[in-house]
Amino acid sequence: MSLAGTLGKVAIGMIAARGIGKMMGGSSGSSNALGGLLGSVLGGSGSSAGNMLGGLLGGGGSQQGGGLGSMLSGLMGGQAQAATAPSAGGLGGLLDSLGGGSAAGGGLGALLNQALGGAPANQIEATPDQEKEAELMLRAMIAAAKADGEIDAEEQRKLTEHLGDDVTPEELELVRREMTSQTSLEDLIQSVPRGMEQQVYFMSLLAIDLDSQAEAQYLDKLAKGLNISQQQANAIHEQLGVPKLYA
C-alpha cells in the first residue's frame, strides 16, 4: 500500500475518532467499503457511517442537504454554515483544487478518494512526488490532532488497529512515530513546499474538532505561518461547513 492509501485510512480514522464517533453506536457490520472502514474503527454500524459520509466522497450516501459540512457543524455544537457541500470530486477534489489543480482529479486528491472509497491497495499507484505529498499530509493531520494535548493511548490503539495489515511495517512505524513525535509546529511549517500551504491547512482542519482555544490557536498559528490570509482560511472552513476561525 502506498502512503497515499495510508493517508486515506488515517483520514477516515481521524474523522471518525474526532467527530462521527460521538454519534455512533450499535452492533458492528458493514454494507460497503467505506462503511466497513468506519465500522472497524468505531465498532458501530458501518452502513450508517457510510451513508453519513457519502457527501464527503461525492458518492450516493443518504446524507442530503449540507452533507459533511452540516453534520460536522452539528457535532461541534455549531450551526450549519451556508457552505459549499463537497462536490462530485469529493474530499480529494477539494484537496486538489486548493493546490491549484483540477477538482476533476489527477493529483494526490484522486488517490485519496480511491483510498477513502476502499480501493484495494494494488490499485493505488502513487508517483514518488505524490508519496512525499502524502507523507506531509499525514504529518500535518497527526500534528493537528495533538493540538489540544496529545493523541491518547486509546486513540493511538484505534488508529493503528484501523490501519490493519494493508500498510507496510515502514508505513505503520511512520504513523506511530508521528503520533508520539515532539516535532514543533514551526518545523512542520518549514517543511511545506510552496503551493501546498492551503492543502496542509485543509487536512489539518479535518483532524481538529475546533472546540477548544488550543485548537483555534493552533490553526491561527498554522495559517499565519503558511501565509494563508484570514479570508482564505475562512473559505476553507466554509468548504467543510465548519465554524469560521476569523470574524
C-alpha atoms as a PDB file:
ATOM      1  CA  MET A   1       0.000   0.000   0.000  1.00  0.00           C
ATOM      2  CA  SER A   2       1.296   3.466  -0.801  1.00  0.00           C
ATOM      3  CA  LEU A   3       1.447   6.332   1.663  1.00  0.00           C
ATOM      4  CA  ALA A   4      -1.478   7.821  -0.264  1.00  0.00           C
ATOM      5  CA  GLY A   5      -3.515   4.791   0.780  1.00  0.00           C
ATOM      6  CA  THR A   6      -2.266   5.077   4.354  1.00  0.00           C
ATOM      7  CA  LEU A   7      -3.274   8.750   4.349  1.00  0.00           C
ATOM      8  CA  GLY A   8      -6.798   7.779   3.346  1.00  0.00           C
ATOM      9  CA  LYS A   9      -7.113   5.270   6.163  1.00  0.00           C
ATOM     10  CA  VAL A  10      -5.699   7.706   8.721  1.00  0.00           C
ATOM     11  CA  ALA A  11      -8.074  10.415   7.468  1.00  0.00           C
ATOM     12  CA  ILE A  12     -11.061   8.102   7.945  1.00  0.00           C
ATOM     13  CA  GLY A  13      -9.812   7.169  11.399  1.00  0.00           C
ATOM     14  CA  MET A  14      -9.256  10.785  12.404  1.00  0.00           C
ATOM     15  CA  ILE A  15     -12.675  11.924  11.180  1.00  0.00           C
ATOM     16  CA  ALA A  16     -14.324   9.003  12.912  1.00  0.00           C
ATOM     17  CA  ALA A  17     -12.456   9.279  16.213  1.00  0.00           C
ATOM     18  CA  ARG A  18     -12.761  13.055  16.402  1.00  0.00           C
ATOM     19  CA  GLY A  19     -16.357  13.532  15.355  1.00  0.00           C
ATOM     20  CA  ILE A  20     -18.580  10.867  13.922  1.00  0.00           C
ATOM     21  CA  GLY A  21     -17.691   8.516  16.774  1.00  0.00           C
ATOM     22  CA  LYS A  22     -19.823  10.699  19.031  1.00  0.00           C
ATOM     23  CA  MET A  23     -22.893   9.742  17.014  1.00  0.00           C
ATOM     24  CA  MET A  24     -22.160   6.061  16.514  1.00  0.00           C
ATOM     25  CA  GLY A  25     -23.295   3.018  18.412  1.00  0.00           C
ATOM     26  CA  GLY A  26     -24.970  -0.331  17.986  1.00  0.00           C
ATOM     27  CA  SER A  27     -23.673  -3.542  16.528  1.00  0.00           C
ATOM     28  CA  SER A  28     -20.813  -3.950  14.128  1.00  0.00           C
ATOM     29  CA  GLY A  29     -21.272  -4.631  10.465  1.00  0.00           C
ATOM     30  CA  SER A  30     -20.964  -3.032   7.052  1.00  0.00           C
ATOM     31  CA  SER A  31     -22.614  -2.895   3.682  1.00  0.00           C
ATOM     32  CA  ASN A  32     -19.927  -1.113   1.679  1.00  0.00           C
ATOM     33  CA  ALA A  33     -16.209  -0.389   1.703  1.00  0.00           C
ATOM     34  CA  LEU A  34     -16.389   2.974   3.457  1.00  0.00           C
ATOM     35  CA  GLY A  35     -18.897   1.704   5.960  1.00  0.00           C
ATOM     36  CA  GLY A  36     -16.609  -1.204   6.735  1.00  0.00           C
ATOM     37  CA  LEU A  37     -13.662   1.095   7.360  1.00  0.00           C
ATOM     38  CA  LEU A  38     -15.656   3.257   9.745  1.00  0.00           C
ATOM     39  CA  GLY A  39     -17.251   0.273  11.411  1.00  0.00           C
ATOM     40  CA  SER A  40     -13.832  -1.215  12.119  1.00  0.00           C
ATOM     41  CA  VAL A  41     -12.735   1.959  13.882  1.00  0.00           C
ATOM     42  CA  LEU A  42     -15.903   2.743  15.782  1.00  0.00           C
ATOM     43  CA  GLY A  43     -17.423  -0.635  16.432  1.00  0.00           C
ATOM     44  CA  GLY A  44     -20.664   0.820  15.110  1.00  0.00           C
ATOM     45  CA  SER A  45     -22.927   0.374  12.148  1.00  0.00           C
ATOM     46  CA  GLY A  46     -20.799   0.536   9.051  1.00  0.00           C
ATOM     47  CA  SER A  47     -23.670   1.133   6.677  1.00  0.00           C
ATOM     48  CA  SER A  48     -24.968   4.163   8.580  1.00  0.00           C
ATOM     49  CA  ALA A  49     -21.460   5.556   8.829  1.00  0.00           C
ATOM     50  CA  GLY A  50     -21.006   5.099   5.123  1.00  0.00           C
ATOM     51  CA  ASN A  51     -24.254   6.906   4.433  1.00  0.00           C
ATOM     52  CA  MET A  52     -23.333   9.821   6.691  1.00  0.00           C
ATOM     53  CA  LEU A  53     -20.048  10.269   4.874  1.00  0.00           C
ATOM     54  CA  GLY A  54     -21.479   9.797   1.400  1.00  0.00           C
ATOM     55  CA  GLY A  55     -21.314  13.502   0.662  1.00  0.00           C
ATOM     56  CA  LEU A  56     -17.665  13.649   1.652  1.00  0.00           C
ATOM     57  CA  LEU A  57     -16.739  11.167  -1.024  1.00  0.00           C
ATOM     58  CA  GLY A  58     -19.034  12.624  -3.651  1.00  0.00           C
ATOM     59  CA  GLY A  59     -20.950   9.351  -3.625  1.00  0.00           C
ATOM     60  CA  GLY A  60     -24.544   8.351  -3.275  1.00  0.00           C
ATOM     61  CA  GLY A  61     -24.855   8.287   0.502  1.00  0.00           C
ATOM     62  CA  SER A  62     -28.192   9.085   2.016  1.00  0.00           C
ATOM     63  CA  GLN A  63     -26.934  12.194   3.825  1.00  0.00           C
ATOM     64  CA  GLN A  64     -28.630  15.054   1.989  1.00  0.00           C
ATOM     65  CA  GLY A  65     -28.567  18.831   2.198  1.00  0.00           C
ATOM     66  CA  GLY A  66     -25.451  20.166   3.916  1.00  0.00           C
ATOM     67  CA  GLY A  67     -23.698  16.795   3.762  1.00  0.00           C
ATOM     68  CA  LEU A  68     -20.475  16.521   5.751  1.00  0.00           C
ATOM     69  CA  GLY A  69     -20.414  20.229   6.476  1.00  0.00           C
ATOM     70  CA  SER A  70     -23.794  20.325   8.198  1.00  0.00           C
ATOM     71  CA  MET A  71     -23.061  17.124  10.054  1.00  0.00           C
ATOM     72  CA  LEU A  72     -19.719  18.287  11.407  1.00  0.00           C
ATOM     73  CA  SER A  73     -21.172  21.650  12.410  1.00  0.00           C
ATOM     74  CA  GLY A  74     -23.803  19.829  14.436  1.00  0.00           C
ATOM     75  CA  LEU A  75     -21.217  17.570  16.037  1.00  0.00           C
ATOM     76  CA  MET A  76     -19.268  20.605  17.224  1.00  0.00           C
ATOM     77  CA  GLY A  77     -22.311  22.346  18.616  1.00  0.00           C
ATOM     78  CA  GLY A  78     -22.370  24.995  15.920  1.00  0.00           C
ATOM     79  CA  GLN A  79     -24.937  25.979  13.361  1.00  0.00           C
ATOM     80  CA  ALA A  80     -24.694  24.540   9.884  1.00  0.00           C
ATOM     81  CA  GLN A  81     -22.978  27.047   7.654  1.00  0.00           C
ATOM     82  CA  ALA A  82     -24.247  28.167   4.263  1.00  0.00           C
ATOM     83  CA  ALA A  83     -21.227  26.388   2.899  1.00  0.00           C
ATOM     84  CA  THR A  84     -20.328  24.656  -0.290  1.00  0.00           C
ATOM     85  CA  ALA A  85     -21.030  20.959   0.151  1.00  0.00           C
ATOM     86  CA  PRO A  86     -18.382  18.535  -1.107  1.00  0.00           C
ATOM     87  CA  SER A  87     -18.586  18.401  -4.867  1.00  0.00           C
ATOM     88  CA  ALA A  88     -18.552  15.462  -7.224  1.00  0.00           C
ATOM     89  CA  GLY A  89     -14.799  15.404  -6.732  1.00  0.00           C
ATOM     90  CA  GLY A  90     -15.300  14.616  -3.056  1.00  0.00           C
ATOM     91  CA  LEU A  91     -12.685  15.325  -0.439  1.00  0.00           C
ATOM     92  CA  GLY A  92      -9.883  14.639  -2.895  1.00  0.00           C
ATOM     93  CA  GLY A  93     -11.332  17.087  -5.397  1.00  0.00           C
ATOM     94  CA  LEU A  94     -11.286  19.832  -2.779  1.00  0.00           C
ATOM     95  CA  LEU A  95      -7.726  18.916  -1.845  1.00  0.00           C
ATOM     96  CA  ASP A  96      -6.508  19.130  -5.442  1.00  0.00           C
ATOM     97  CA  SER A  97      -8.334  22.391  -6.107  1.00  0.00           C
ATOM     98  CA  LEU A  98      -6.633  24.030  -3.111  1.00  0.00           C
ATOM     99  CA  GLY A  99      -3.292  23.149  -4.645  1.00  0.00           C
ATOM    100  CA  GLY A 100      -4.195  24.870  -7.880  1.00  0.00           C
ATOM    101  CA  GLY A 101      -5.145  21.673  -9.649  1.00  0.00           C
ATOM    102  CA  SER A 102      -8.420  20.489 -11.097  1.00  0.00           C
ATOM    103  CA  ALA A 103     -11.139  19.163  -8.822  1.00  0.00           C
ATOM    104  CA  ALA A 104     -11.719  16.549 -11.516  1.00  0.00           C
ATOM    105  CA  GLY A 105      -8.771  14.594 -10.147  1.00  0.00           C
ATOM    106  CA  GLY A 106      -5.364  13.507 -11.316  1.00  0.00           C
ATOM    107  CA  GLY A 107      -3.403  14.640  -8.268  1.00  0.00           C
ATOM    108  CA  LEU A 108      -2.970  13.309  -4.752  1.00  0.00           C
ATOM    109  CA  GLY A 109      -6.653  14.014  -4.152  1.00  0.00           C
ATOM    110  CA  ALA A 110      -7.704  11.432  -6.722  1.00  0.00           C
ATOM    111  CA  LEU A 111      -5.616   8.808  -4.937  1.00  0.00           C
ATOM    112  CA  LEU A 112      -7.037   9.913  -1.601  1.00  0.00           C
ATOM    113  CA  ASN A 113     -10.566   9.399  -2.929  1.00  0.00           C
ATOM    114  CA  GLN A 114      -9.602   5.898  -4.045  1.00  0.00           C
ATOM    115  CA  ALA A 115      -8.276   5.100  -0.583  1.00  0.00           C
ATOM    116  CA  LEU A 116     -11.299   6.603   1.161  1.00  0.00           C
ATOM    117  CA  GLY A 117     -13.533   4.564  -1.109  1.00  0.00           C
ATOM    118  CA  GLY A 118     -11.849   1.342  -0.031  1.00  0.00           C
ATOM    119  CA  ALA A 119      -9.897   0.650  -3.228  1.00  0.00           C
ATOM    120  CA  PRO A 120      -7.596  -2.387  -2.954  1.00  0.00           C
ATOM    121  CA  ALA A 121      -4.017  -1.469  -2.169  1.00  0.00           C
ATOM    122  CA  ASN A 122      -2.743  -2.696  -5.525  1.00  0.00           C
ATOM    123  CA  GLN A 123      -4.991  -0.185  -7.299  1.00  0.00           C
ATOM    124  CA  ILE A 124      -3.466   2.837  -5.589  1.00  0.00           C
ATOM    125  CA  GLU A 125      -0.374   3.740  -7.551  1.00  0.00           C
ATOM    126  CA  ALA A 126       1.377   6.928  -6.490  1.00  0.00           C
ATOM    127  CA  THR A 127       4.328   8.695  -8.027  1.00  0.00           C
ATOM    128  CA  PRO A 128       7.351   9.482  -5.838  1.00  0.00           C
ATOM    129  CA  ASP A 129       6.183  13.118  -5.630  1.00  0.00           C
ATOM    130  CA  GLN A 130       2.689  12.041  -4.553  1.00  0.00           C
ATOM    131  CA  GLU A 131       4.227   9.813  -1.886  1.00  0.00           C
ATOM    132  CA  LYS A 132       6.122  12.807  -0.494  1.00  0.00           C
ATOM    133  CA  GLU A 133       2.934  14.875  -0.512  1.00  0.00           C
ATOM    134  CA  ALA A 134       1.031  12.088   1.249  1.00  0.00           C
ATOM    135  CA  GLU A 135       3.708  11.861   3.940  1.00  0.00           C
ATOM    136  CA  LEU A 136       3.452  15.605   4.545  1.00  0.00           C
ATOM    137  CA  MET A 137      -0.341  15.405   4.797  1.00  0.00           C
ATOM    138  CA  LEU A 138      -0.039  12.533   7.262  1.00  0.00           C
ATOM    139  CA  ARG A 139       2.342  14.535   9.422  1.00  0.00           C
ATOM    140  CA  ALA A 140       0.044  17.581   9.248  1.00  0.00           C
ATOM    141  CA  MET A 141      -3.075  15.630  10.257  1.00  0.00           C
ATOM    142  CA  ILE A 142      -1.380  13.892  13.165  1.00  0.00           C
ATOM    143  CA  ALA A 143       0.220  17.122  14.389  1.00  0.00           C
ATOM    144  CA  ALA A 144      -3.164  18.860  14.296  1.00  0.00           C
ATOM    145  CA  ALA A 145      -4.791  16.025  16.228  1.00  0.00           C
ATOM    146  CA  LYS A 146      -2.317  16.770  19.029  1.00  0.00           C
ATOM    147  CA  ALA A 147      -3.131  20.496  19.083  1.00  0.00           C
ATOM    148  CA  ASP A 148      -5.083  20.274  22.335  1.00  0.00           C
ATOM    149  CA  GLY A 149      -2.642  17.945  24.056  1.00  0.00           C
ATOM    150  CA  GLU A 150      -1.697  14.547  22.733  1.00  0.00           C
ATOM    151  CA  ILE A 151      -3.186  11.552  20.992  1.00  0.00           C
ATOM    152  CA  ASP A 152      -4.008   9.379  23.965  1.00  0.00           C
ATOM    153  CA  ALA A 153      -3.281   5.670  24.176  1.00  0.00           C
ATOM    154  CA  GLU A 154      -6.824   4.683  23.226  1.00  0.00           C
ATOM    155  CA  GLU A 155      -6.815   6.917  20.141  1.00  0.00           C
ATOM    156  CA  GLN A 156      -3.414   5.533  19.149  1.00  0.00           C
ATOM    157  CA  ARG A 157      -4.697   1.984  19.544  1.00  0.00           C
ATOM    158  CA  LYS A 158      -7.786   2.622  17.430  1.00  0.00           C
ATOM    159  CA  LEU A 159      -5.827   4.318  14.660  1.00  0.00           C
ATOM    160  CA  THR A 160      -3.103   1.681  14.443  1.00  0.00           C
ATOM    161  CA  GLU A 161      -5.621  -1.171  14.579  1.00  0.00           C
ATOM    162  CA  HIS A 162      -7.627   0.585  11.880  1.00  0.00           C
ATOM    163  CA  LEU A 163      -4.610   0.560   9.569  1.00  0.00           C
ATOM    164  CA  GLY A 164      -4.636  -3.228   9.771  1.00  0.00           C
ATOM    165  CA  ASP A 165      -2.426  -5.417   7.623  1.00  0.00           C
ATOM    166  CA  ASP A 166      -2.774  -3.285   4.496  1.00  0.00           C
ATOM    167  CA  VAL A 167       0.116  -0.991   5.372  1.00  0.00           C
ATOM    168  CA  THR A 168       3.773  -1.916   5.317  1.00  0.00           C
ATOM    169  CA  PRO A 169       5.767  -2.072   8.569  1.00  0.00           C
ATOM    170  CA  GLU A 170       7.549   1.108   7.454  1.00  0.00           C
ATOM    171  CA  GLU A 171       4.268   2.975   6.936  1.00  0.00           C
ATOM    172  CA  LEU A 172       2.919   1.789  10.284  1.00  0.00           C
ATOM    173  CA  GLU A 173       6.116   2.905  12.003  1.00  0.00           C
ATOM    174  CA  LEU A 174       5.823   6.337  10.365  1.00  0.00           C
ATOM    175  CA  VAL A 175       2.315   6.794  11.775  1.00  0.00           C
ATOM    176  CA  ARG A 176       3.341   5.577  15.223  1.00  0.00           C
ATOM    177  CA  ARG A 177       6.402   7.811  15.228  1.00  0.00           C
ATOM    178  CA  GLU A 178       4.398  10.879  14.273  1.00  0.00           C
ATOM    179  CA  MET A 179       1.795  10.179  16.967  1.00  0.00           C
ATOM    180  CA  THR A 180       4.486  10.401  19.645  1.00  0.00           C
ATOM    181  CA  SER A 181       6.745  12.937  17.925  1.00  0.00           C
ATOM    182  CA  GLN A 182       7.617  16.246  19.584  1.00  0.00           C
ATOM    183  CA  THR A 183       8.093  17.964  16.217  1.00  0.00           C
ATOM    184  CA  SER A 184       7.156  21.624  16.556  1.00  0.00           C
ATOM    185  CA  LEU A 185       4.584  23.479  14.508  1.00  0.00           C
ATOM    186  CA  GLU A 186       7.389  25.691  13.229  1.00  0.00           C
ATOM    187  CA  ASP A 187       9.241  22.640  11.900  1.00  0.00           C
ATOM    188  CA  LEU A 188       6.092  21.441  10.129  1.00  0.00           C
ATOM    189  CA  ILE A 189       5.536  24.858   8.570  1.00  0.00           C
ATOM    190  CA  GLN A 190       9.118  24.985   7.317  1.00  0.00           C
ATOM    191  CA  SER A 191       8.665  21.615   5.592  1.00  0.00           C
ATOM    192  CA  VAL A 192       5.669  22.716   3.495  1.00  0.00           C
ATOM    193  CA  PRO A 193       6.611  23.296  -0.167  1.00  0.00           C
ATOM    194  CA  ARG A 194       5.362  26.397  -1.910  1.00  0.00           C
ATOM    195  CA  GLY A 195       1.904  25.819  -3.353  1.00  0.00           C
ATOM    196  CA  MET A 196       0.805  23.239  -0.777  1.00  0.00           C
ATOM    197  CA  GLU A 197       0.024  25.656   2.049  1.00  0.00           C
ATOM    198  CA  GLN A 198      -3.768  25.555   1.757  1.00  0.00           C
ATOM    199  CA  GLN A 199      -3.790  21.790   1.259  1.00  0.00           C
ATOM    200  CA  VAL A 200      -1.849  21.316   4.508  1.00  0.00           C
ATOM    201  CA  TYR A 201      -4.272  23.628   6.312  1.00  0.00           C
ATOM    202  CA  PHE A 202      -7.250  21.751   4.871  1.00  0.00           C
ATOM    203  CA  MET A 203      -6.006  18.342   6.001  1.00  0.00           C
ATOM    204  CA  SER A 204      -5.077  19.752   9.422  1.00  0.00           C
ATOM    205  CA  LEU A 205      -8.609  21.080   9.850  1.00  0.00           C
ATOM    206  CA  LEU A 206     -10.035  17.617   9.165  1.00  0.00           C
ATOM    207  CA  ALA A 207      -8.196  16.293  12.231  1.00  0.00           C
ATOM    208  CA  ILE A 208      -9.462  19.004  14.607  1.00  0.00           C
ATOM    209  CA  ASP A 209     -12.747  19.315  16.486  1.00  0.00           C
ATOM    210  CA  LEU A 210     -12.269  23.084  16.795  1.00  0.00           C
ATOM    211  CA  ASP A 211     -13.948  23.051  20.183  1.00  0.00           C
ATOM    212  CA  SER A 212     -11.082  24.383  22.275  1.00  0.00           C
ATOM    213  CA  GLN A 213      -8.973  27.526  22.487  1.00  0.00           C
ATOM    214  CA  ALA A 214      -5.819  25.467  21.966  1.00  0.00           C
ATOM    215  CA  GLU A 215      -7.101  24.147  18.640  1.00  0.00           C
ATOM    216  CA  ALA A 216      -8.167  27.605  17.458  1.00  0.00           C
ATOM    217  CA  GLN A 217      -4.756  28.990  18.391  1.00  0.00           C
ATOM    218  CA  TYR A 218      -3.057  26.127  16.555  1.00  0.00           C
ATOM    219  CA  LEU A 219      -4.980  26.833  13.363  1.00  0.00           C
ATOM    220  CA  ASP A 220      -4.291  30.553  13.682  1.00  0.00           C
ATOM    221  CA  LYS A 221      -0.537  29.942  14.033  1.00  0.00           C
ATOM    222  CA  LEU A 222      -0.615  27.448  11.173  1.00  0.00           C
ATOM    223  CA  ALA A 223      -2.440  29.875   8.884  1.00  0.00           C
ATOM    224  CA  LYS A 224      -0.091  32.740   9.716  1.00  0.00           C
ATOM    225  CA  GLY A 225       2.989  30.564   9.365  1.00  0.00           C
ATOM    226  CA  LEU A 226       1.844  29.402   5.935  1.00  0.00           C
ATOM    227  CA  ASN A 227       0.910  32.940   4.862  1.00  0.00           C
ATOM    228  CA  ILE A 228      -2.734  31.989   4.493  1.00  0.00           C
ATOM    229  CA  SER A 229      -4.953  35.041   4.788  1.00  0.00           C
ATOM    230  CA  GLN A 230      -7.939  35.176   7.128  1.00  0.00           C
ATOM    231  CA  GLN A 231     -10.217  35.182   4.095  1.00  0.00           C
ATOM    232  CA  GLN A 232      -8.517  32.076   2.645  1.00  0.00           C
ATOM    233  CA  ALA A 233      -8.705  30.253   5.976  1.00  0.00           C
ATOM    234  CA  ASN A 234     -12.381  31.094   6.391  1.00  0.00           C
ATOM    235  CA  ALA A 235     -13.074  29.896   2.854  1.00  0.00           C
ATOM    236  CA  ILE A 236     -11.534  26.504   3.659  1.00  0.00           C
ATOM    237  CA  HIS A 237     -13.710  26.280   6.772  1.00  0.00           C
ATOM    238  CA  GLU A 238     -16.748  27.116   4.658  1.00  0.00           C
ATOM    239  CA  GLN A 239     -15.911  24.358   2.193  1.00  0.00           C
ATOM    240  CA  LEU A 240     -16.121  21.874   5.054  1.00  0.00           C
ATOM    241  CA  GLY A 241     -19.090  23.616   6.668  1.00  0.00           C
ATOM    242  CA  VAL A 242     -17.297  24.164   9.982  1.00  0.00           C
ATOM    243  CA  PRO A 243     -17.264  27.393  12.026  1.00  0.00           C
ATOM    244  CA  LYS A 244     -15.038  30.153  10.688  1.00  0.00           C
ATOM    245  CA  LEU A 245     -11.842  30.911  12.569  1.00  0.00           C
ATOM    246  CA  TYR A 246     -11.978  34.676  11.971  1.00  0.00           C
ATOM    247  CA  ALA A 247     -14.862  37.081  12.420  1.00  0.00           C
END
